[in-house]
Amino acid sequence: MSSFDDELRGALRRVEPPPGFAERVLARVAAERARPGWRAHLRRVFGPAPLRLAAVAALALVIVAGVGYERHARGEEAKRQVLLALRITARQLQAAERGVQRLNARQREPKETIR
């Protein structure tokens, strides 16, 4: 056999626990059971059912208000973009109108005749 096998056998051999080990384990298990879990902690924090219901309603209200605000913000951004597009279009139309007026003014001018 190799030394590894010997080390493995030594590590896995049965060892008697120290005196009082079982009692300490059972005492620790009892203490863990007596300590409330996270759900009990949440119940204590949020109190009775009406208070929990109010907390859930408040959370729902915050979510709905957040979604409404986000939609409002998107609407405002869309409105801003539409107004910008209208301003750009108005400038372009004014420039085109001035160009047409200049062409009309040239056509109305008396033409010089060469004699």
C-alpha atoms as a PDB file:
ATOM      1  CA  MET A   1       0.000   0.000   0.000  1.00  0.00           C
ATOM      2  CA  SER A   2       0.993   3.566  -0.579  1.00  0.00           C
ATOM      3  CA  SER A   3       1.419   6.267   1.999  1.00  0.00           C
ATOM      4  CA  PHE A   4      -1.630   8.015   0.538  1.00  0.00           C
ATOM      5  CA  ASP A   5      -3.787   4.985   1.351  1.00  0.00           C
ATOM      6  CA  ASP A   6      -2.420   4.949   4.887  1.00  0.00           C
ATOM      7  CA  GLU A   7      -3.147   8.662   5.337  1.00  0.00           C
ATOM      8  CA  LEU A   8      -6.653   8.198   3.990  1.00  0.00           C
ATOM      9  CA  ARG A   9      -7.348   5.281   6.359  1.00  0.00           C
ATOM     10  CA  GLY A  10      -6.048   7.352   9.262  1.00  0.00           C
ATOM     11  CA  ALA A  11      -8.196  10.329   8.354  1.00  0.00           C
ATOM     12  CA  LEU A  12     -11.321   8.202   7.971  1.00  0.00           C
ATOM     13  CA  ARG A  13     -10.932   6.028  11.089  1.00  0.00           C
ATOM     14  CA  ARG A  14     -13.667   6.170  13.697  1.00  0.00           C
ATOM     15  CA  VAL A  15     -13.033   8.561  16.564  1.00  0.00           C
ATOM     16  CA  GLU A  16     -15.189   8.742  19.668  1.00  0.00           C
ATOM     17  CA  PRO A  17     -16.692  12.223  20.255  1.00  0.00           C
ATOM     18  CA  PRO A  18     -15.686  14.147  23.348  1.00  0.00           C
ATOM     19  CA  PRO A  19     -17.896  13.828  26.426  1.00  0.00           C
ATOM     20  CA  GLY A  20     -21.036  16.005  26.263  1.00  0.00           C
ATOM     21  CA  PHE A  21     -20.888  16.366  22.467  1.00  0.00           C
ATOM     22  CA  ALA A  22     -24.422  15.023  21.880  1.00  0.00           C
ATOM     23  CA  GLU A  23     -25.881  17.292  24.558  1.00  0.00           C
ATOM     24  CA  ARG A  24     -24.197  20.367  23.039  1.00  0.00           C
ATOM     25  CA  VAL A  25     -25.490  19.499  19.547  1.00  0.00           C
ATOM     26  CA  LEU A  26     -29.037  18.995  20.831  1.00  0.00           C
ATOM     27  CA  ALA A  27     -28.884  22.262  22.783  1.00  0.00           C
ATOM     28  CA  ARG A  28     -27.744  24.156  19.688  1.00  0.00           C
ATOM     29  CA  VAL A  29     -30.518  22.625  17.559  1.00  0.00           C
ATOM     30  CA  ALA A  30     -33.097  23.626  20.175  1.00  0.00           C
ATOM     31  CA  ALA A  31     -31.700  27.171  20.249  1.00  0.00           C
ATOM     32  CA  GLU A  32     -31.862  27.425  16.429  1.00  0.00           C
ATOM     33  CA  ARG A  33     -35.482  26.266  16.442  1.00  0.00           C
ATOM     34  CA  ALA A  34     -36.354  28.814  19.100  1.00  0.00           C
ATOM     35  CA  ARG A  35     -34.831  31.651  17.076  1.00  0.00           C
ATOM     36  CA  PRO A  36     -37.442  33.089  14.672  1.00  0.00           C
ATOM     37  CA  GLY A  37     -36.810  32.865  10.946  1.00  0.00           C
ATOM     38  CA  TRP A  38     -36.836  35.670   8.408  1.00  0.00           C
ATOM     39  CA  ARG A  39     -40.579  35.310   7.776  1.00  0.00           C
ATOM     40  CA  ALA A  40     -41.332  35.815  11.441  1.00  0.00           C
ATOM     41  CA  HIS A  41     -39.038  38.816  11.412  1.00  0.00           C
ATOM     42  CA  LEU A  42     -40.953  40.294   8.465  1.00  0.00           C
ATOM     43  CA  ARG A  43     -44.247  39.672  10.236  1.00  0.00           C
ATOM     44  CA  ARG A  44     -42.917  41.502  13.260  1.00  0.00           C
ATOM     45  CA  VAL A  45     -41.690  44.415  11.140  1.00  0.00           C
ATOM     46  CA  PHE A  46     -44.895  44.843   9.177  1.00  0.00           C
ATOM     47  CA  GLY A  47     -47.152  44.026  12.106  1.00  0.00           C
ATOM     48  CA  PRO A  48     -50.736  42.861  11.774  1.00  0.00           C
ATOM     49  CA  ALA A  49     -52.518  42.117   8.514  1.00  0.00           C
ATOM     50  CA  PRO A  50     -54.020  45.620   7.988  1.00  0.00           C
ATOM     51  CA  LEU A  51     -50.586  47.165   8.227  1.00  0.00           C
ATOM     52  CA  ARG A  52     -49.198  44.636   5.747  1.00  0.00           C
ATOM     53  CA  LEU A  53     -52.099  45.377   3.421  1.00  0.00           C
ATOM     54  CA  ALA A  54     -51.380  49.098   3.687  1.00  0.00           C
ATOM     55  CA  ALA A  55     -47.710  48.472   2.906  1.00  0.00           C
ATOM     56  CA  VAL A  56     -48.635  46.445  -0.198  1.00  0.00           C
ATOM     57  CA  ALA A  57     -51.103  49.139  -1.298  1.00  0.00           C
ATOM     58  CA  ALA A  58     -48.471  51.847  -0.840  1.00  0.00           C
ATOM     59  CA  LEU A  59     -45.965  49.839  -2.866  1.00  0.00           C
ATOM     60  CA  ALA A  60     -48.528  49.329  -5.640  1.00  0.00           C
ATOM     61  CA  LEU A  61     -49.287  53.057  -5.635  1.00  0.00           C
ATOM     62  CA  VAL A  62     -45.595  53.908  -5.952  1.00  0.00           C
ATOM     63  CA  ILE A  63     -45.228  51.496  -8.881  1.00  0.00           C
ATOM     64  CA  VAL A  64     -48.305  52.864 -10.673  1.00  0.00           C
ATOM     65  CA  ALA A  65     -47.171  56.459 -10.089  1.00  0.00           C
ATOM     66  CA  GLY A  66     -43.704  55.616 -11.405  1.00  0.00           C
ATOM     67  CA  VAL A  67     -45.122  54.075 -14.566  1.00  0.00           C
ATOM     68  CA  GLY A  68     -47.426  57.081 -15.037  1.00  0.00           C
ATOM     69  CA  TYR A  69     -44.572  59.526 -14.583  1.00  0.00           C
ATOM     70  CA  GLU A  70     -42.409  57.591 -17.042  1.00  0.00           C
ATOM     71  CA  ARG A  71     -45.197  57.704 -19.635  1.00  0.00           C
ATOM     72  CA  HIS A  72     -45.657  61.427 -18.987  1.00  0.00           C
ATOM     73  CA  ALA A  73     -41.923  61.996 -19.468  1.00  0.00           C
ATOM     74  CA  ARG A  74     -42.013  60.083 -22.752  1.00  0.00           C
ATOM     75  CA  GLY A  75     -45.000  62.163 -23.876  1.00  0.00           C
ATOM     76  CA  GLU A  76     -43.194  65.389 -23.020  1.00  0.00           C
ATOM     77  CA  GLU A  77     -40.139  64.243 -24.992  1.00  0.00           C
ATOM     78  CA  ALA A  78     -42.328  63.358 -27.984  1.00  0.00           C
ATOM     79  CA  LYS A  79     -44.023  66.762 -27.742  1.00  0.00           C
ATOM     80  CA  ARG A  80     -40.636  68.498 -27.669  1.00  0.00           C
ATOM     81  CA  GLN A  81     -39.516  66.591 -30.756  1.00  0.00           C
ATOM     82  CA  VAL A  82     -42.731  67.412 -32.655  1.00  0.00           C
ATOM     83  CA  LEU A  83     -42.412  71.115 -31.829  1.00  0.00           C
ATOM     84  CA  LEU A  84     -38.788  71.102 -32.994  1.00  0.00           C
ATOM     85  CA  ALA A  85     -39.811  69.408 -36.251  1.00  0.00           C
ATOM     86  CA  LEU A  86     -42.541  72.018 -36.762  1.00  0.00           C
ATOM     87  CA  ARG A  87     -40.079  74.880 -36.190  1.00  0.00           C
ATOM     88  CA  ILE A  88     -37.622  73.398 -38.688  1.00  0.00           C
ATOM     89  CA  THR A  89     -40.421  72.871 -41.215  1.00  0.00           C
ATOM     90  CA  ALA A  90     -41.677  76.445 -40.738  1.00  0.00           C
ATOM     91  CA  ARG A  91     -38.175  77.839 -41.380  1.00  0.00           C
ATOM     92  CA  GLN A  92     -37.830  75.748 -44.514  1.00  0.00           C
ATOM     93  CA  LEU A  93     -41.248  76.882 -45.753  1.00  0.00           C
ATOM     94  CA  GLN A  94     -40.371  80.532 -45.080  1.00  0.00           C
ATOM     95  CA  ALA A  95     -37.135  80.148 -47.024  1.00  0.00           C
ATOM     96  CA  ALA A  96     -39.019  78.551 -49.920  1.00  0.00           C
ATOM     97  CA  GLU A  97     -41.637  81.299 -49.829  1.00  0.00           C
ATOM     98  CA  ARG A  98     -38.949  84.005 -49.979  1.00  0.00           C
ATOM     99  CA  GLY A  99     -37.408  82.235 -52.957  1.00  0.00           C
ATOM    100  CA  VAL A 100     -40.755  82.137 -54.766  1.00  0.00           C
ATOM    101  CA  GLN A 101     -41.354  85.834 -54.003  1.00  0.00           C
ATOM    102  CA  ARG A 102     -37.931  86.743 -55.442  1.00  0.00           C
ATOM    103  CA  LEU A 103     -38.697  84.772 -58.600  1.00  0.00           C
ATOM    104  CA  ASN A 104     -42.062  86.508 -58.946  1.00  0.00           C
ATOM    105  CA  ALA A 105     -40.452  89.907 -58.408  1.00  0.00           C
ATOM    106  CA  ARG A 106     -37.920  89.238 -61.191  1.00  0.00           C
ATOM    107  CA  GLN A 107     -40.628  88.142 -63.594  1.00  0.00           C
ATOM    108  CA  ARG A 108     -42.609  91.340 -62.979  1.00  0.00           C
ATOM    109  CA  GLU A 109     -39.670  93.660 -63.601  1.00  0.00           C
ATOM    110  CA  PRO A 110     -39.817  95.293 -67.031  1.00  0.00           C
ATOM    111  CA  LYS A 111     -37.369  93.688 -69.350  1.00  0.00           C
ATOM    112  CA  GLU A 112     -34.920  95.871 -71.070  1.00  0.00           C
ATOM    113  CA  THR A 113     -35.144  95.680 -74.758  1.00  0.00           C
ATOM    114  CA  ILE A 114     -32.065  95.869 -76.778  1.00  0.00           C
ATOM    115  CA  ARG A 115     -32.439  98.102 -79.862  1.00  0.00           C
END
